[in-house]
Amino acid sequence: NTIVESQTQWLTLLGSGRKSGKWEKPEPLSFCVDGTNFTHPAFSGNDSVLIFSSDKSGGQGGMDLYYSKLSASGWSAPVNLGSRINSPANELFPFVSASGNLYFSSNRPGGNGKLDIYVVHLSDTAHTFPFSLGNEINSADDDFGLWCDAAEREGFFSSGRNAQPPNDNVFCFKISWPQVSTLDTLLQPALCYTFFEEASLAAADTVAMDYEWVFSDQTIKEGLIVEKCFSAPGTFTIDLKVSDRSSGELVESDVHYELVIPAAIPIEFQIDEEATVHEPLVITTEKLTVPGFAILDVYYDFGEGFYARGRSATHVYHKPGIYYPKIILRLKDDAAGTIENRCFVKEIIVK
């Protein structure tokens, strides 16, 4: 099926089926009535939900966004998306992304001017309000008709900006995010090491030998290869004793090592480890310092197509679960003057 709009005295939505490679004659959808405008159709889910704009009576005012569901009996009666999405102004040009974000345009008060583009997650419309895409997308002129790819990193929209004489043009956008090759987890570091003696490991008769590792914290480990975890940074000594397994004779007793575990650079973000569904999660880096570096910018990737930039950011998760928001620091080395990016990931439990 395909849905199009047609205008006689008012705008209406038409549906057409495709059979044997040919489109059938378009017919108005069952809920479209004379005297009311129905326009800007957009599919959600697996094309079984249609979101559109209409000025039908009983709305919030002006053009509102509605949805209708497709079943075996046809399209259901339109349902208004409610006062958290619609306003007394006009809501137009809906688009639903692969992750369930609803983008639309509105000329409600508080925007940049004329039509601005807003976004809200469809599963969270009962708890949060749409927010503007901000100055990066919106202008003082009309901005509308946004489309983006599945990752919500690039796409197109229409705008009346910079047009002489005034006219609408299509613009493209792409989210430019700092690239990083490694991730640091914001967890307590596990100071664990594997110890082995290279000469003994290369010997052919190690089966006949016993190996005892004595650590300066009074820990004793036995084996050719051992693992040891330390509770904190510091300087530790390790002594290795090698003895003949059959006779018990000490073969080697003067193998001595020193291990220095430096303290990690303290990078602490103000962020809770637990969050509540539909409640704002706030990440603040206003007091963050990185020794030896100047912080040029901070970026956030919350997943689900939501990004932020600045010394603080807020995000709302829509479902319980474990999430891993990424925080990217763009840094300048005080001594060398070079620029580098560091990415940190934090485990967040949403209940």
Protein backbone atom coordinates (compact mmCIF):
# COMPACT_ATOMS: atom_id res chain seq x y z
CA ASN A 1 0.00 0.00 0.00
CA THR A 2 0.96 3.60 -0.43
CA ILE A 3 -0.51 6.74 1.09
CA VAL A 4 -0.59 10.09 -0.72
CA GLU A 5 -2.36 13.38 -0.15
CA SER A 6 -4.67 15.15 -2.57
CA GLN A 7 -6.19 18.62 -2.52
CA THR A 8 -9.60 19.64 -3.79
CA GLN A 9 -11.16 22.14 -1.42
CA TRP A 10 -9.18 20.58 1.42
CA LEU A 11 -6.27 18.18 1.84
CA THR A 12 -7.06 14.49 2.15
CA LEU A 13 -5.12 11.20 2.34
CA LEU A 14 -5.50 8.61 -0.40
CA GLY A 15 -4.55 4.94 -0.31
CA SER A 16 -3.67 2.76 -3.28
CA GLY A 17 -2.94 -0.97 -3.39
CA ARG A 18 -0.56 -2.60 -5.83
CA LYS A 19 -1.69 -5.74 -7.65
CA SER A 20 0.03 -7.58 -10.50
CA GLY A 21 2.64 -4.84 -10.66
CA LYS A 22 0.10 -2.05 -11.08
CA TRP A 23 -1.27 0.55 -8.71
CA GLU A 24 -5.01 0.58 -8.17
CA LYS A 25 -7.08 3.75 -8.28
CA PRO A 26 -6.33 5.89 -5.17
CA GLU A 27 -9.22 6.17 -2.73
CA PRO A 28 -9.59 8.43 0.34
CA LEU A 29 -8.83 6.72 3.65
CA SER A 30 -11.97 5.81 5.55
CA PHE A 31 -11.52 8.42 8.28
CA CYS A 32 -11.01 11.34 5.90
CA VAL A 33 -14.13 13.51 5.78
CA ASP A 34 -15.09 16.60 3.83
CA GLY A 35 -14.38 19.95 5.44
CA THR A 36 -11.29 18.75 7.32
CA ASN A 37 -7.64 18.75 6.23
CA PHE A 38 -5.60 15.52 6.50
CA THR A 39 -1.99 15.84 5.42
CA HIS A 40 1.71 14.86 5.84
CA PRO A 41 1.38 11.06 6.26
CA ALA A 42 4.25 9.15 7.89
CA PHE A 43 4.48 5.46 8.75
CA SER A 44 5.63 4.10 12.09
CA GLY A 45 6.59 0.56 13.09
CA ASN A 46 6.06 -1.95 10.29
CA ASP A 47 3.81 0.43 8.35
CA SER A 48 0.81 -0.54 10.48
CA VAL A 49 0.63 2.85 12.21
CA LEU A 50 0.04 6.05 10.27
CA ILE A 51 0.88 9.43 11.81
CA PHE A 52 -0.42 12.54 10.08
CA SER A 53 -1.45 16.16 10.63
CA SER A 54 -5.05 17.33 10.70
CA ASP A 55 -7.20 20.27 11.79
CA LYS A 56 -10.13 18.03 12.71
CA SER A 57 -12.31 19.25 15.56
CA GLY A 58 -11.53 18.29 19.14
CA GLY A 59 -7.78 18.88 18.90
CA GLN A 60 -5.45 21.20 20.77
CA GLY A 61 -5.84 23.93 18.15
CA GLY A 62 -4.57 24.56 14.64
CA MET A 63 -3.10 21.49 12.96
CA ASP A 64 -2.47 18.56 15.34
CA LEU A 65 -0.69 15.23 14.97
CA TYR A 66 -2.88 12.11 14.99
CA TYR A 67 -2.33 8.39 14.51
CA SER A 68 -4.40 5.57 13.03
CA LYS A 69 -3.73 1.82 13.16
CA LEU A 70 -4.21 -0.60 10.29
CA SER A 71 -6.08 -3.86 10.90
CA ALA A 72 -7.90 -6.42 8.77
CA SER A 73 -10.95 -4.14 8.80
CA GLY A 74 -8.99 -1.07 7.66
CA TRP A 75 -7.67 2.07 9.31
CA SER A 76 -8.93 2.91 12.80
CA ALA A 77 -10.46 6.23 13.83
CA PRO A 78 -7.76 8.90 14.32
CA VAL A 79 -6.40 9.41 17.83
CA ASN A 80 -4.89 12.74 18.85
CA LEU A 81 -1.30 12.42 20.11
CA GLY A 82 -2.21 14.59 23.08
CA SER A 83 -1.30 17.86 24.70
CA ARG A 84 2.31 16.87 25.44
CA ILE A 85 3.02 16.80 21.68
CA ASN A 86 0.33 19.06 20.21
CA SER A 87 -0.12 22.72 21.06
CA PRO A 88 -2.59 25.52 20.24
CA ALA A 89 -0.27 26.28 17.29
CA ASN A 90 0.38 23.98 14.30
CA GLU A 91 2.15 20.60 14.35
CA LEU A 92 3.13 19.42 10.87
CA PHE A 93 5.45 17.19 8.82
CA PRO A 94 5.88 14.15 11.12
CA PHE A 95 8.66 11.62 10.54
CA VAL A 96 9.37 8.52 12.67
CA SER A 97 12.95 7.21 12.81
CA ALA A 98 14.00 3.57 13.04
CA SER A 99 14.54 3.94 16.81
CA GLY A 100 11.04 5.38 17.38
CA ASN A 101 11.88 9.08 17.57
CA LEU A 102 9.09 11.31 16.28
CA TYR A 103 10.36 14.40 14.47
CA PHE A 104 7.89 17.11 13.50
CA SER A 105 7.63 20.85 12.89
CA SER A 106 5.70 23.38 14.95
CA ASN A 107 5.32 27.15 15.10
CA ARG A 108 4.60 27.08 18.84
CA PRO A 109 5.98 29.88 21.03
CA GLY A 110 9.54 29.58 22.28
CA GLY A 111 11.16 28.48 19.05
CA ASN A 112 13.67 30.16 16.76
CA GLY A 113 10.89 31.60 14.63
CA LYS A 114 8.16 30.33 12.30
CA LEU A 115 8.31 26.50 11.97
CA ASP A 116 10.96 24.72 14.07
CA ILE A 117 11.78 21.01 14.14
CA TYR A 118 11.17 19.12 17.39
CA VAL A 119 11.74 15.53 18.51
CA VAL A 120 10.27 13.19 21.14
CA HIS A 121 10.47 9.42 21.61
CA LEU A 122 7.12 7.82 20.80
CA SER A 123 7.25 5.41 23.75
CA ASP A 124 7.75 8.33 26.15
CA THR A 125 5.07 10.77 25.04
CA ALA A 126 3.10 10.30 28.27
CA HIS A 127 6.05 11.44 30.38
CA THR A 128 8.20 13.94 28.50
CA PHE A 129 7.69 16.88 26.18
CA PRO A 130 9.24 17.37 22.72
CA PHE A 131 12.40 19.44 22.58
CA SER A 132 13.75 21.62 19.80
CA LEU A 133 16.69 20.47 17.70
CA GLY A 134 18.27 23.83 18.49
CA ASN A 135 20.29 26.31 16.49
CA GLU A 136 22.24 23.60 14.64
CA ILE A 137 19.08 22.74 12.63
CA ASN A 138 16.47 25.42 13.26
CA SER A 139 16.58 29.00 11.98
CA ALA A 140 14.43 32.14 12.10
CA ASP A 141 12.62 30.90 8.97
CA ASP A 142 10.50 27.80 8.37
CA ASP A 143 12.31 24.50 9.04
CA PHE A 144 10.35 21.34 8.26
CA GLY A 145 10.15 17.98 6.52
CA LEU A 146 13.09 16.29 8.29
CA TRP A 147 14.24 12.82 7.21
CA CYS A 148 17.22 10.97 8.72
CA ASP A 149 18.95 7.62 8.31
CA ALA A 150 18.53 4.66 10.68
CA ALA A 151 21.48 5.79 12.83
CA GLU A 152 20.09 9.36 12.97
CA ARG A 153 23.50 10.74 12.12
CA GLU A 154 22.64 12.36 8.78
CA GLY A 155 19.65 13.33 6.69
CA PHE A 156 17.72 16.13 4.98
CA PHE A 157 15.19 18.84 5.79
CA SER A 158 13.59 21.83 4.08
CA SER A 159 14.10 25.44 5.12
CA GLY A 160 13.29 28.95 3.96
CA ARG A 161 16.62 30.34 5.23
CA ASN A 162 19.08 32.20 3.04
CA ALA A 163 16.68 32.33 0.12
CA GLN A 164 16.47 35.43 -2.12
CA PRO A 165 13.67 35.86 -2.97
CA PRO A 166 12.14 33.91 -0.04
CA ASN A 167 11.75 30.28 -1.03
CA ASP A 168 12.14 26.78 0.45
CA ASN A 169 15.23 24.70 -0.28
CA VAL A 170 16.40 21.25 0.75
CA PHE A 171 19.37 21.13 3.14
CA CYS A 172 21.44 18.15 4.25
CA PHE A 173 23.02 17.62 7.66
CA LYS A 174 25.53 15.24 9.18
CA ILE A 175 26.41 14.93 12.85
CA SER A 176 30.17 15.39 13.10
CA TRP A 177 31.37 13.51 16.17
CA PRO A 178 34.95 13.13 17.39
CA GLN A 179 36.43 9.77 16.41
CA VAL A 180 37.97 7.55 19.08
CA SER A 181 39.61 4.14 18.84
CA THR A 182 39.46 3.07 22.50
CA LEU A 183 36.98 3.28 25.35
CA ASP A 184 37.79 3.73 29.03
CA THR A 185 35.22 2.41 31.44
CA LEU A 186 34.32 4.58 34.42
CA LEU A 187 34.63 1.72 36.90
CA GLN A 188 37.03 0.99 39.72
CA PRO A 189 40.17 -0.32 37.97
CA ALA A 190 40.99 -4.01 38.37
CA LEU A 191 44.75 -4.05 39.06
CA CYS A 192 45.33 -7.64 37.96
CA TYR A 193 48.52 -9.05 36.48
CA THR A 194 49.84 -12.36 35.12
CA PHE A 195 53.32 -13.42 36.33
CA PHE A 196 55.68 -15.92 34.72
CA GLU A 197 59.45 -16.36 34.54
CA GLU A 198 60.56 -16.23 30.91
CA ALA A 199 63.61 -18.48 31.31
CA SER A 200 61.62 -21.13 33.15
CA LEU A 201 58.78 -20.91 30.63
CA ALA A 202 61.20 -21.64 27.81
CA ALA A 203 62.82 -24.59 29.61
CA ALA A 204 61.90 -28.13 28.65
CA ASP A 205 61.90 -29.60 32.19
CA THR A 206 59.38 -27.31 33.90
CA VAL A 207 57.09 -30.24 34.68
CA ALA A 208 59.65 -31.46 37.22
CA MET A 209 59.79 -28.12 38.99
CA ASP A 210 57.66 -26.35 41.60
CA TYR A 211 57.27 -22.57 41.48
CA GLU A 212 56.40 -20.42 44.49
CA TRP A 213 55.73 -16.68 44.15
CA VAL A 214 56.00 -14.62 47.32
CA PHE A 215 54.53 -11.10 47.18
CA SER A 216 55.40 -8.27 49.54
CA ASP A 217 51.77 -8.10 50.76
CA GLN A 218 52.29 -11.63 52.22
CA THR A 219 50.41 -13.35 49.40
CA ILE A 220 51.86 -16.65 48.15
CA LYS A 221 50.98 -18.15 44.76
CA GLU A 222 52.11 -21.48 43.34
CA GLY A 223 52.51 -22.41 39.69
CA LEU A 224 54.58 -21.70 36.60
CA ILE A 225 52.08 -18.98 35.61
CA VAL A 226 50.06 -17.17 38.28
CA GLU A 227 47.62 -14.28 38.42
CA LYS A 228 47.54 -11.67 41.16
CA CYS A 229 45.23 -8.69 41.77
CA PHE A 230 46.24 -5.71 43.89
CA SER A 231 43.81 -3.59 45.84
CA ALA A 232 45.53 -0.26 45.18
CA PRO A 233 48.47 1.31 43.30
CA GLY A 234 51.92 1.15 44.89
CA THR A 235 55.33 -0.52 44.72
CA PHE A 236 55.43 -4.27 45.28
CA THR A 237 58.23 -6.83 45.42
CA ILE A 238 57.91 -10.38 44.13
CA ASP A 239 60.31 -13.26 44.93
CA LEU A 240 60.27 -16.50 42.96
CA LYS A 241 61.48 -19.78 44.47
CA VAL A 242 62.04 -22.75 42.14
CA SER A 243 62.52 -26.23 43.62
CA ASP A 244 62.91 -29.77 42.31
CA ARG A 245 59.58 -31.54 42.69
CA SER A 246 61.03 -35.00 43.38
CA SER A 247 63.76 -34.04 45.87
CA GLY A 248 62.40 -30.78 47.22
CA GLU A 249 65.81 -29.22 46.68
CA LEU A 250 65.77 -25.46 46.12
CA VAL A 251 67.07 -24.86 42.60
CA GLU A 252 66.66 -21.07 42.39
CA SER A 253 65.90 -18.61 45.18
CA ASP A 254 67.31 -15.25 44.14
CA VAL A 255 64.83 -14.31 41.39
CA HIS A 256 63.53 -10.92 42.49
CA TYR A 257 61.16 -8.50 40.79
CA GLU A 258 59.79 -5.06 41.59
CA LEU A 259 56.39 -3.97 40.29
CA VAL A 260 55.36 -0.31 40.29
CA ILE A 261 51.64 0.34 39.78
CA PRO A 262 51.15 4.08 39.23
CA ALA A 263 48.06 5.85 40.46
CA ALA A 264 45.47 6.39 37.75
CA ILE A 265 44.77 9.92 36.58
CA PRO A 266 41.65 10.95 38.49
CA ILE A 267 38.87 11.61 35.97
CA GLU A 268 35.56 11.78 37.74
CA PHE A 269 32.22 12.58 36.16
CA GLN A 270 29.19 13.67 38.14
CA ILE A 271 26.77 10.95 37.07
CA ASP A 272 24.55 8.54 38.98
CA GLU A 273 24.99 4.81 38.49
CA GLU A 274 21.23 4.25 38.63
CA ALA A 275 18.38 6.09 36.93
CA THR A 276 14.61 5.84 36.79
CA VAL A 277 12.53 5.27 33.68
CA HIS A 278 11.05 8.55 32.37
CA GLU A 279 13.17 10.59 34.81
CA PRO A 280 16.06 12.80 33.61
CA LEU A 281 19.58 11.41 33.90
CA VAL A 282 22.03 14.30 34.31
CA ILE A 283 25.74 14.13 33.45
CA THR A 284 27.83 17.09 34.59
CA THR A 285 31.47 17.77 33.72
CA GLU A 286 31.58 21.40 34.85
CA LYS A 287 34.04 20.60 37.67
CA LEU A 288 35.99 18.01 35.69
CA THR A 289 39.74 18.55 35.26
CA VAL A 290 42.26 16.37 33.44
CA PRO A 291 45.81 16.91 34.73
CA GLY A 292 48.10 18.14 31.97
CA PHE A 293 45.26 18.88 29.54
CA ALA A 294 42.79 21.64 28.71
CA ILE A 295 39.23 20.46 28.03
CA LEU A 296 38.14 21.95 24.71
CA ASP A 297 34.72 20.29 24.44
CA VAL A 298 32.59 17.43 25.77
CA TYR A 299 30.31 15.20 23.69
CA TYR A 300 27.71 12.63 24.79
CA ASP A 301 26.26 9.64 22.95
CA PHE A 302 23.24 8.22 24.81
CA GLY A 303 22.25 5.77 22.06
CA GLU A 304 18.80 5.66 20.45
CA GLY A 305 19.87 8.53 18.20
CA PHE A 306 20.31 11.01 21.07
CA TYR A 307 23.46 13.12 21.28
CA ALA A 308 24.48 16.16 23.28
CA ARG A 309 27.38 18.55 23.59
CA GLY A 310 28.61 20.81 26.41
CA ARG A 311 29.75 20.62 30.02
CA SER A 312 26.44 19.05 31.07
CA ALA A 313 23.73 16.96 29.40
CA THR A 314 20.36 15.45 30.27
CA HIS A 315 18.73 12.34 28.82
CA VAL A 316 15.62 10.30 29.58
CA TYR A 317 15.60 6.52 29.05
CA HIS A 318 12.28 5.00 28.08
CA LYS A 319 12.68 1.36 29.14
CA PRO A 320 14.29 -0.43 32.12
CA GLY A 321 17.64 -2.03 31.42
CA ILE A 322 21.40 -1.50 31.41
CA TYR A 323 22.72 1.31 29.22
CA TYR A 324 26.23 2.48 28.35
CA PRO A 325 26.31 6.20 27.51
CA LYS A 326 29.57 7.42 26.00
CA ILE A 327 31.32 10.62 27.06
CA ILE A 328 33.97 11.98 24.70
CA LEU A 329 36.48 14.58 25.87
CA ARG A 330 38.29 16.71 23.31
CA LEU A 331 41.60 17.61 25.00
CA LYS A 332 44.64 19.78 24.32
CA ASP A 333 47.97 18.71 25.78
CA ASP A 334 49.36 21.60 27.88
CA ALA A 335 52.97 20.77 27.03
CA ALA A 336 52.87 19.52 23.44
CA GLY A 337 49.86 21.52 22.26
CA THR A 338 48.46 18.47 20.47
CA ILE A 339 44.74 17.65 20.32
CA GLU A 340 43.38 14.24 21.29
CA ASN A 341 40.02 12.62 22.04
CA ARG A 342 39.30 10.33 24.97
CA CYS A 343 36.11 8.34 25.24
CA PHE A 344 34.65 7.01 28.48
CA VAL A 345 31.70 4.69 28.91
CA LYS A 346 29.57 4.48 32.03
CA GLU A 347 27.25 1.63 32.96
CA ILE A 348 23.83 2.96 33.96
CA ILE A 349 21.11 0.77 35.45
CA VAL A 350 17.66 2.10 34.59
CA LYS A 351 14.82 0.85 36.78
